[in-house]
Amino acid sequence: MTKEKSEMGRKSRGKGMRFELKVRHKLESDGWTVCKWTNIIKDGKIVAAPRKYNPFTKQASSGNGFPDFVCFREKISRILKDGIVEKVIREGKIVIGVESKSNKYLDAAEKVLCEEYKKLGTFDEIEVAYKNKKGKIDYYKV
């Protein structure tokens, strides 16, 4: 039974990492600049996420922040005249946080962190990337 659960956990971690990578590539192809977010909120402040040590593999993992990614791109407005772009206005940057969840749902602690990020004004919005029924990546705002 222990070997079965160990094997199941190993496969699940691998699936999660592959899905996170797919989400990153999709965001980059949509024009976002994507970086791994390695921070968490502790006592109302943003701090570096602590490393997690796995005694079985003898490895410490980094990059355990919430959400998974911070994404930004330039906000651009186009003024059209007779269907032709007359003027392009650059209005600044849009910054979003993206958490990848293949099962779509955040747990209670993650929902609390989202509320705290909203209070601090760190991100313009926080989105959750998930697999829809057809296996494609969809997003919803928290």
N, C-alpha and C. Protein backbone atom coordinates (compact mmCIF):
# COMPACT_ATOMS: atom_id res chain seq x y z
N MET A 1 0.83 -1.19 0.00
CA MET A 1 0.00 0.00 0.00
C MET A 1 0.88 1.26 0.00
N THR A 2 1.95 1.28 0.76
CA THR A 2 2.82 2.45 0.83
C THR A 2 3.48 2.71 -0.51
N LYS A 3 3.93 1.64 -1.18
CA LYS A 3 4.56 1.82 -2.49
C LYS A 3 3.57 2.36 -3.50
N GLU A 4 2.31 1.90 -3.44
CA GLU A 4 1.29 2.38 -4.36
C GLU A 4 1.04 3.87 -4.16
N LYS A 5 0.93 4.29 -2.90
CA LYS A 5 0.68 5.71 -2.60
C LYS A 5 1.89 6.55 -2.98
N SER A 6 3.07 6.02 -2.77
CA SER A 6 4.29 6.73 -3.13
C SER A 6 4.35 6.95 -4.65
N GLU A 7 4.03 5.91 -5.38
CA GLU A 7 4.01 6.00 -6.84
C GLU A 7 2.93 6.98 -7.31
N MET A 8 1.76 6.93 -6.67
CA MET A 8 0.67 7.82 -7.03
C MET A 8 1.06 9.29 -6.76
N GLY A 9 1.71 9.55 -5.64
CA GLY A 9 2.16 10.90 -5.30
C GLY A 9 3.19 11.41 -6.28
N ARG A 10 4.12 10.54 -6.67
CA ARG A 10 5.15 10.93 -7.64
C ARG A 10 4.52 11.31 -8.97
N LYS A 11 3.55 10.52 -9.43
CA LYS A 11 2.88 10.81 -10.69
C LYS A 11 2.06 12.10 -10.60
N SER A 12 1.41 12.32 -9.47
CA SER A 12 0.60 13.53 -9.29
C SER A 12 1.46 14.78 -9.29
N ARG A 13 2.60 14.73 -8.63
CA ARG A 13 3.51 15.88 -8.62
C ARG A 13 4.00 16.18 -10.04
N GLY A 14 4.32 15.12 -10.78
CA GLY A 14 4.76 15.30 -12.16
C GLY A 14 3.68 15.91 -13.03
N LYS A 15 2.44 15.44 -12.86
CA LYS A 15 1.32 15.99 -13.62
C LYS A 15 1.13 17.47 -13.32
N GLY A 16 1.22 17.82 -12.04
CA GLY A 16 1.06 19.21 -11.63
C GLY A 16 2.14 20.10 -12.22
N MET A 17 3.37 19.62 -12.24
CA MET A 17 4.47 20.40 -12.80
C MET A 17 4.29 20.59 -14.31
N ARG A 18 3.84 19.54 -14.98
CA ARG A 18 3.62 19.65 -16.43
C ARG A 18 2.49 20.62 -16.75
N PHE A 19 1.42 20.58 -15.93
CA PHE A 19 0.30 21.50 -16.16
C PHE A 19 0.74 22.95 -15.91
N GLU A 20 1.53 23.17 -14.87
CA GLU A 20 2.04 24.51 -14.58
C GLU A 20 2.89 25.03 -15.74
N LEU A 21 3.69 24.17 -16.32
CA LEU A 21 4.52 24.56 -17.46
C LEU A 21 3.65 24.89 -18.69
N LYS A 22 2.58 24.12 -18.90
CA LYS A 22 1.65 24.40 -20.00
C LYS A 22 1.01 25.78 -19.83
N VAL A 23 0.61 26.08 -18.58
CA VAL A 23 -0.01 27.37 -18.29
C VAL A 23 0.98 28.49 -18.58
N ARG A 24 2.22 28.30 -18.17
CA ARG A 24 3.25 29.32 -18.42
C ARG A 24 3.43 29.57 -19.91
N HIS A 25 3.53 28.51 -20.70
CA HIS A 25 3.71 28.65 -22.15
C HIS A 25 2.49 29.32 -22.79
N LYS A 26 1.29 28.98 -22.32
CA LYS A 26 0.07 29.60 -22.85
C LYS A 26 0.06 31.10 -22.56
N LEU A 27 0.42 31.50 -21.33
CA LEU A 27 0.46 32.92 -20.98
C LEU A 27 1.49 33.66 -21.83
N GLU A 28 2.65 33.05 -22.02
CA GLU A 28 3.69 33.68 -22.84
C GLU A 28 3.23 33.83 -24.29
N SER A 29 2.52 32.83 -24.81
CA SER A 29 2.04 32.92 -26.19
C SER A 29 0.92 33.96 -26.33
N ASP A 30 0.24 34.28 -25.21
CA ASP A 30 -0.80 35.31 -25.22
C ASP A 30 -0.23 36.71 -25.03
N GLY A 31 1.10 36.83 -24.97
CA GLY A 31 1.73 38.15 -24.90
C GLY A 31 2.11 38.63 -23.51
N TRP A 32 1.99 37.79 -22.50
CA TRP A 32 2.36 38.16 -21.14
C TRP A 32 3.84 37.87 -20.90
N THR A 33 4.47 38.70 -20.10
CA THR A 33 5.81 38.39 -19.58
C THR A 33 5.57 37.68 -18.25
N VAL A 34 6.10 36.47 -18.10
CA VAL A 34 5.77 35.62 -16.96
C VAL A 34 7.00 35.36 -16.11
N CYS A 35 6.85 35.50 -14.80
CA CYS A 35 7.91 35.18 -13.84
C CYS A 35 7.32 34.31 -12.73
N LYS A 36 8.14 33.44 -12.18
CA LYS A 36 7.72 32.61 -11.06
C LYS A 36 7.62 33.49 -9.83
N TRP A 37 6.53 33.42 -9.11
CA TRP A 37 6.32 34.21 -7.90
C TRP A 37 6.77 33.36 -6.70
N THR A 38 7.76 33.82 -5.97
CA THR A 38 8.32 33.03 -4.88
C THR A 38 8.07 33.66 -3.52
N ASN A 39 6.96 34.39 -3.40
CA ASN A 39 6.64 35.07 -2.14
C ASN A 39 5.31 34.59 -1.60
N ILE A 40 5.10 34.85 -0.31
CA ILE A 40 3.83 34.61 0.35
C ILE A 40 3.53 35.80 1.24
N ILE A 41 2.34 35.83 1.80
CA ILE A 41 1.99 36.88 2.76
C ILE A 41 2.05 36.27 4.15
N LYS A 42 2.79 36.93 5.02
CA LYS A 42 2.90 36.49 6.41
C LYS A 42 2.76 37.71 7.29
N ASP A 43 1.80 37.69 8.19
CA ASP A 43 1.54 38.81 9.11
C ASP A 43 1.29 40.11 8.35
N GLY A 44 0.58 40.04 7.23
CA GLY A 44 0.22 41.23 6.47
C GLY A 44 1.33 41.81 5.61
N LYS A 45 2.47 41.11 5.51
CA LYS A 45 3.59 41.58 4.69
C LYS A 45 3.96 40.51 3.68
N ILE A 46 4.48 40.95 2.55
CA ILE A 46 4.95 40.01 1.53
C ILE A 46 6.38 39.63 1.87
N VAL A 47 6.61 38.33 2.06
CA VAL A 47 7.95 37.82 2.39
C VAL A 47 8.29 36.66 1.47
N ALA A 48 9.57 36.32 1.41
CA ALA A 48 10.01 35.17 0.60
C ALA A 48 9.44 33.88 1.18
N ALA A 49 8.95 33.02 0.32
CA ALA A 49 8.39 31.74 0.76
C ALA A 49 9.51 30.86 1.29
N PRO A 50 9.29 30.19 2.42
CA PRO A 50 10.33 29.32 2.95
C PRO A 50 10.51 28.08 2.07
N ARG A 51 11.71 27.55 2.09
CA ARG A 51 11.97 26.31 1.35
C ARG A 51 11.33 25.15 2.10
N LYS A 52 10.87 24.17 1.35
CA LYS A 52 10.30 22.97 1.95
C LYS A 52 11.28 21.83 1.78
N TYR A 53 11.62 21.15 2.86
CA TYR A 53 12.57 20.05 2.81
C TYR A 53 11.82 18.73 2.78
N ASN A 54 12.19 17.85 1.84
CA ASN A 54 11.61 16.52 1.74
C ASN A 54 12.65 15.52 2.25
N PRO A 55 12.41 14.92 3.42
CA PRO A 55 13.41 14.02 3.98
C PRO A 55 13.60 12.73 3.18
N PHE A 56 12.63 12.37 2.35
CA PHE A 56 12.73 11.13 1.58
C PHE A 56 13.64 11.30 0.37
N THR A 57 13.51 12.44 -0.31
CA THR A 57 14.36 12.67 -1.48
C THR A 57 15.62 13.46 -1.11
N LYS A 58 15.69 13.93 0.12
CA LYS A 58 16.82 14.72 0.62
C LYS A 58 17.02 16.00 -0.20
N GLN A 59 15.90 16.62 -0.61
CA GLN A 59 15.97 17.84 -1.40
C GLN A 59 15.11 18.93 -0.77
N ALA A 60 15.56 20.16 -0.94
CA ALA A 60 14.77 21.31 -0.51
C ALA A 60 14.21 21.97 -1.77
N SER A 61 12.91 22.20 -1.77
CA SER A 61 12.30 22.82 -2.95
C SER A 61 12.13 24.32 -2.72
N SER A 62 12.36 25.08 -3.77
CA SER A 62 12.15 26.52 -3.70
C SER A 62 11.04 26.89 -4.67
N GLY A 63 10.59 28.12 -4.64
CA GLY A 63 9.53 28.54 -5.54
C GLY A 63 8.17 28.08 -5.08
N ASN A 64 7.96 28.07 -3.76
CA ASN A 64 6.70 27.60 -3.21
C ASN A 64 5.74 28.73 -2.92
N GLY A 65 5.83 29.81 -3.67
CA GLY A 65 5.00 30.98 -3.41
C GLY A 65 3.57 30.80 -3.90
N PHE A 66 2.74 31.73 -3.49
CA PHE A 66 1.36 31.77 -3.95
C PHE A 66 1.08 33.16 -4.44
N PRO A 67 0.55 33.38 -5.61
CA PRO A 67 0.22 32.44 -6.68
C PRO A 67 1.47 31.94 -7.39
N ASP A 68 1.30 31.08 -8.38
CA ASP A 68 2.43 30.48 -9.08
C ASP A 68 3.22 31.49 -9.89
N PHE A 69 2.50 32.38 -10.60
CA PHE A 69 3.17 33.29 -11.51
C PHE A 69 2.72 34.73 -11.29
N VAL A 70 3.62 35.65 -11.57
CA VAL A 70 3.27 37.07 -11.71
C VAL A 70 3.48 37.38 -13.19
N CYS A 71 2.46 37.98 -13.80
CA CYS A 71 2.49 38.25 -15.24
C CYS A 71 2.22 39.73 -15.46
N PHE A 72 2.93 40.30 -16.42
CA PHE A 72 2.68 41.69 -16.73
C PHE A 72 2.85 41.94 -18.21
N ARG A 73 2.16 42.97 -18.68
CA ARG A 73 2.29 43.44 -20.05
C ARG A 73 1.80 44.88 -20.10
N GLU A 74 2.14 45.51 -21.18
CA GLU A 74 1.77 46.91 -21.35
C GLU A 74 0.30 47.02 -21.74
N LYS A 75 -0.38 47.97 -21.11
CA LYS A 75 -1.78 48.22 -21.44
C LYS A 75 -1.79 49.20 -22.61
N ILE A 76 -2.41 48.78 -23.70
CA ILE A 76 -2.40 49.59 -24.92
C ILE A 76 -3.84 49.84 -25.37
N SER A 77 -4.13 51.08 -25.71
CA SER A 77 -5.42 51.44 -26.29
C SER A 77 -5.18 51.91 -27.72
N ARG A 78 -6.09 51.56 -28.61
CA ARG A 78 -5.98 51.97 -30.00
C ARG A 78 -7.18 52.85 -30.35
N ILE A 79 -6.90 53.98 -30.93
CA ILE A 79 -7.96 54.87 -31.38
C ILE A 79 -8.14 54.64 -32.87
N LEU A 80 -9.36 54.26 -33.25
CA LEU A 80 -9.66 53.95 -34.65
C LEU A 80 -10.39 55.11 -35.32
N LYS A 81 -10.07 55.34 -36.57
CA LYS A 81 -10.80 56.31 -37.38
C LYS A 81 -11.08 55.64 -38.71
N ASP A 82 -12.36 55.44 -39.00
CA ASP A 82 -12.80 54.75 -40.21
C ASP A 82 -12.20 53.34 -40.31
N GLY A 83 -12.11 52.66 -39.16
CA GLY A 83 -11.60 51.29 -39.14
C GLY A 83 -10.10 51.18 -39.23
N ILE A 84 -9.37 52.29 -39.23
CA ILE A 84 -7.91 52.29 -39.33
C ILE A 84 -7.34 52.84 -38.03
N VAL A 85 -6.29 52.20 -37.54
CA VAL A 85 -5.66 52.65 -36.30
C VAL A 85 -5.02 54.01 -36.55
N GLU A 86 -5.54 55.01 -35.84
CA GLU A 86 -5.02 56.36 -35.99
C GLU A 86 -3.95 56.67 -34.95
N LYS A 87 -4.16 56.14 -33.73
CA LYS A 87 -3.25 56.47 -32.64
C LYS A 87 -3.19 55.30 -31.66
N VAL A 88 -2.00 55.02 -31.16
CA VAL A 88 -1.81 53.98 -30.15
C VAL A 88 -1.36 54.67 -28.86
N ILE A 89 -2.08 54.39 -27.77
CA ILE A 89 -1.77 55.00 -26.49
C ILE A 89 -1.29 53.92 -25.52
N ARG A 90 -0.11 54.09 -24.97
CA ARG A 90 0.41 53.18 -23.97
C ARG A 90 0.06 53.74 -22.60
N GLU A 91 -0.67 52.96 -21.82
CA GLU A 91 -1.22 53.47 -20.57
C GLU A 91 -0.53 52.94 -19.31
N GLY A 92 0.51 52.18 -19.43
CA GLY A 92 1.17 51.61 -18.25
C GLY A 92 1.14 50.09 -18.29
N LYS A 93 1.41 49.48 -17.16
CA LYS A 93 1.49 48.03 -17.07
C LYS A 93 0.27 47.44 -16.37
N ILE A 94 -0.11 46.25 -16.79
CA ILE A 94 -1.13 45.45 -16.12
C ILE A 94 -0.36 44.32 -15.43
N VAL A 95 -0.62 44.10 -14.14
CA VAL A 95 0.06 43.05 -13.39
C VAL A 95 -1.00 42.11 -12.81
N ILE A 96 -0.88 40.82 -13.16
CA ILE A 96 -1.82 39.83 -12.62
C ILE A 96 -1.05 38.70 -11.96
N GLY A 97 -1.70 38.03 -11.04
CA GLY A 97 -1.17 36.81 -10.43
C GLY A 97 -1.95 35.64 -10.98
N VAL A 98 -1.27 34.55 -11.32
CA VAL A 98 -1.93 33.37 -11.88
C VAL A 98 -1.55 32.14 -11.07
N GLU A 99 -2.55 31.44 -10.58
CA GLU A 99 -2.36 30.17 -9.87
C GLU A 99 -2.87 29.06 -10.77
N SER A 100 -2.08 28.01 -10.99
CA SER A 100 -2.52 26.90 -11.83
C SER A 100 -3.07 25.78 -10.95
N LYS A 101 -4.29 25.39 -11.25
CA LYS A 101 -4.96 24.30 -10.54
C LYS A 101 -5.65 23.42 -11.57
N SER A 102 -5.21 22.19 -11.69
CA SER A 102 -5.84 21.34 -12.70
C SER A 102 -7.26 20.95 -12.30
N ASN A 103 -7.57 21.01 -10.99
CA ASN A 103 -8.92 20.66 -10.55
C ASN A 103 -9.83 21.87 -10.37
N LYS A 104 -9.32 23.08 -10.66
CA LYS A 104 -10.07 24.33 -10.71
C LYS A 104 -10.24 25.04 -9.37
N TYR A 105 -10.21 24.36 -8.24
CA TYR A 105 -10.63 24.97 -6.99
C TYR A 105 -9.46 25.31 -6.06
N LEU A 106 -9.55 26.50 -5.45
CA LEU A 106 -8.59 26.92 -4.44
C LEU A 106 -9.04 26.38 -3.09
N ASP A 107 -8.08 26.08 -2.20
CA ASP A 107 -8.48 25.67 -0.86
C ASP A 107 -8.70 26.92 0.00
N ALA A 108 -9.15 26.74 1.23
CA ALA A 108 -9.53 27.86 2.09
C ALA A 108 -8.36 28.80 2.36
N ALA A 109 -7.17 28.25 2.62
CA ALA A 109 -6.00 29.09 2.91
C ALA A 109 -5.62 29.95 1.70
N GLU A 110 -5.74 29.38 0.51
CA GLU A 110 -5.42 30.13 -0.71
C GLU A 110 -6.42 31.25 -0.95
N LYS A 111 -7.69 31.02 -0.62
CA LYS A 111 -8.70 32.07 -0.76
C LYS A 111 -8.41 33.24 0.18
N VAL A 112 -7.94 32.93 1.39
CA VAL A 112 -7.57 33.98 2.34
C VAL A 112 -6.39 34.78 1.81
N LEU A 113 -5.39 34.09 1.24
CA LEU A 113 -4.24 34.79 0.65
C LEU A 113 -4.68 35.71 -0.49
N CYS A 114 -5.62 35.27 -1.30
CA CYS A 114 -6.13 36.11 -2.39
C CYS A 114 -6.74 37.39 -1.85
N GLU A 115 -7.52 37.28 -0.78
CA GLU A 115 -8.13 38.46 -0.17
C GLU A 115 -7.07 39.41 0.37
N GLU A 116 -6.01 38.86 0.96
CA GLU A 116 -4.94 39.70 1.49
C GLU A 116 -4.18 40.41 0.37
N TYR A 117 -3.94 39.72 -0.75
CA TYR A 117 -3.30 40.37 -1.89
C TYR A 117 -4.16 41.50 -2.42
N LYS A 118 -5.49 41.30 -2.43
CA LYS A 118 -6.40 42.36 -2.89
C LYS A 118 -6.31 43.58 -1.97
N LYS A 119 -6.25 43.33 -0.66
CA LYS A 119 -6.14 44.44 0.31
C LYS A 119 -4.84 45.21 0.11
N LEU A 120 -3.75 44.48 -0.15
CA LEU A 120 -2.45 45.14 -0.34
C LEU A 120 -2.33 45.81 -1.70
N GLY A 121 -3.15 45.41 -2.67
CA GLY A 121 -3.08 45.99 -4.01
C GLY A 121 -1.87 45.54 -4.80
N THR A 122 -1.37 44.33 -4.52
CA THR A 122 -0.19 43.81 -5.19
C THR A 122 -0.45 43.53 -6.67
N PHE A 123 -1.60 42.93 -6.97
CA PHE A 123 -1.94 42.57 -8.34
C PHE A 123 -3.19 43.32 -8.77
N ASP A 124 -3.29 43.60 -10.08
CA ASP A 124 -4.52 44.18 -10.61
C ASP A 124 -5.66 43.16 -10.49
N GLU A 125 -5.35 41.89 -10.71
CA GLU A 125 -6.31 40.81 -10.52
C GLU A 125 -5.57 39.50 -10.32
N ILE A 126 -6.25 38.54 -9.72
CA ILE A 126 -5.69 37.20 -9.53
C ILE A 126 -6.59 36.23 -10.29
N GLU A 127 -5.97 35.39 -11.10
CA GLU A 127 -6.71 34.43 -11.90
C GLU A 127 -6.26 33.02 -11.58
N VAL A 128 -7.17 32.07 -11.74
CA VAL A 128 -6.86 30.66 -11.57
C VAL A 128 -6.95 30.00 -12.94
N ALA A 129 -5.87 29.34 -13.35
CA ALA A 129 -5.85 28.61 -14.61
C ALA A 129 -6.22 27.16 -14.30
N TYR A 130 -7.13 26.59 -15.08
CA TYR A 130 -7.58 25.22 -14.85
C TYR A 130 -7.85 24.53 -16.17
N LYS A 131 -7.97 23.21 -16.12
CA LYS A 131 -8.31 22.42 -17.30
C LYS A 131 -9.83 22.37 -17.42
N ASN A 132 -10.35 22.72 -18.60
CA ASN A 132 -11.78 22.57 -18.80
C ASN A 132 -12.09 21.13 -19.20
N LYS A 133 -13.34 20.85 -19.50
CA LYS A 133 -13.74 19.47 -19.81
C LYS A 133 -13.07 18.91 -21.06
N LYS A 134 -12.66 19.79 -21.96
CA LYS A 134 -12.01 19.35 -23.20
C LYS A 134 -10.49 19.26 -23.05
N GLY A 135 -9.98 19.55 -21.82
CA GLY A 135 -8.54 19.47 -21.59
C GLY A 135 -7.78 20.74 -21.93
N LYS A 136 -8.50 21.79 -22.34
CA LYS A 136 -7.88 23.08 -22.67
C LYS A 136 -7.75 23.92 -21.39
N ILE A 137 -6.91 24.96 -21.45
CA ILE A 137 -6.68 25.81 -20.29
C ILE A 137 -7.66 26.98 -20.33
N ASP A 138 -8.40 27.15 -19.23
CA ASP A 138 -9.32 28.28 -19.05
C ASP A 138 -8.91 29.03 -17.80
N TYR A 139 -9.47 30.23 -17.63
CA TYR A 139 -9.13 31.06 -16.46
C TYR A 139 -10.41 31.57 -15.83
N TYR A 140 -10.38 31.80 -14.52
CA TYR A 140 -11.43 32.55 -13.86
C TYR A 140 -10.79 33.48 -12.84
N LYS A 141 -11.43 34.63 -12.64
CA LYS A 141 -10.93 35.63 -11.70
C LYS A 141 -11.39 35.31 -10.30
N VAL A 142 -10.51 35.53 -9.35
CA VAL A 142 -10.86 35.30 -7.94
C VAL A 142 -11.39 36.58 -7.35
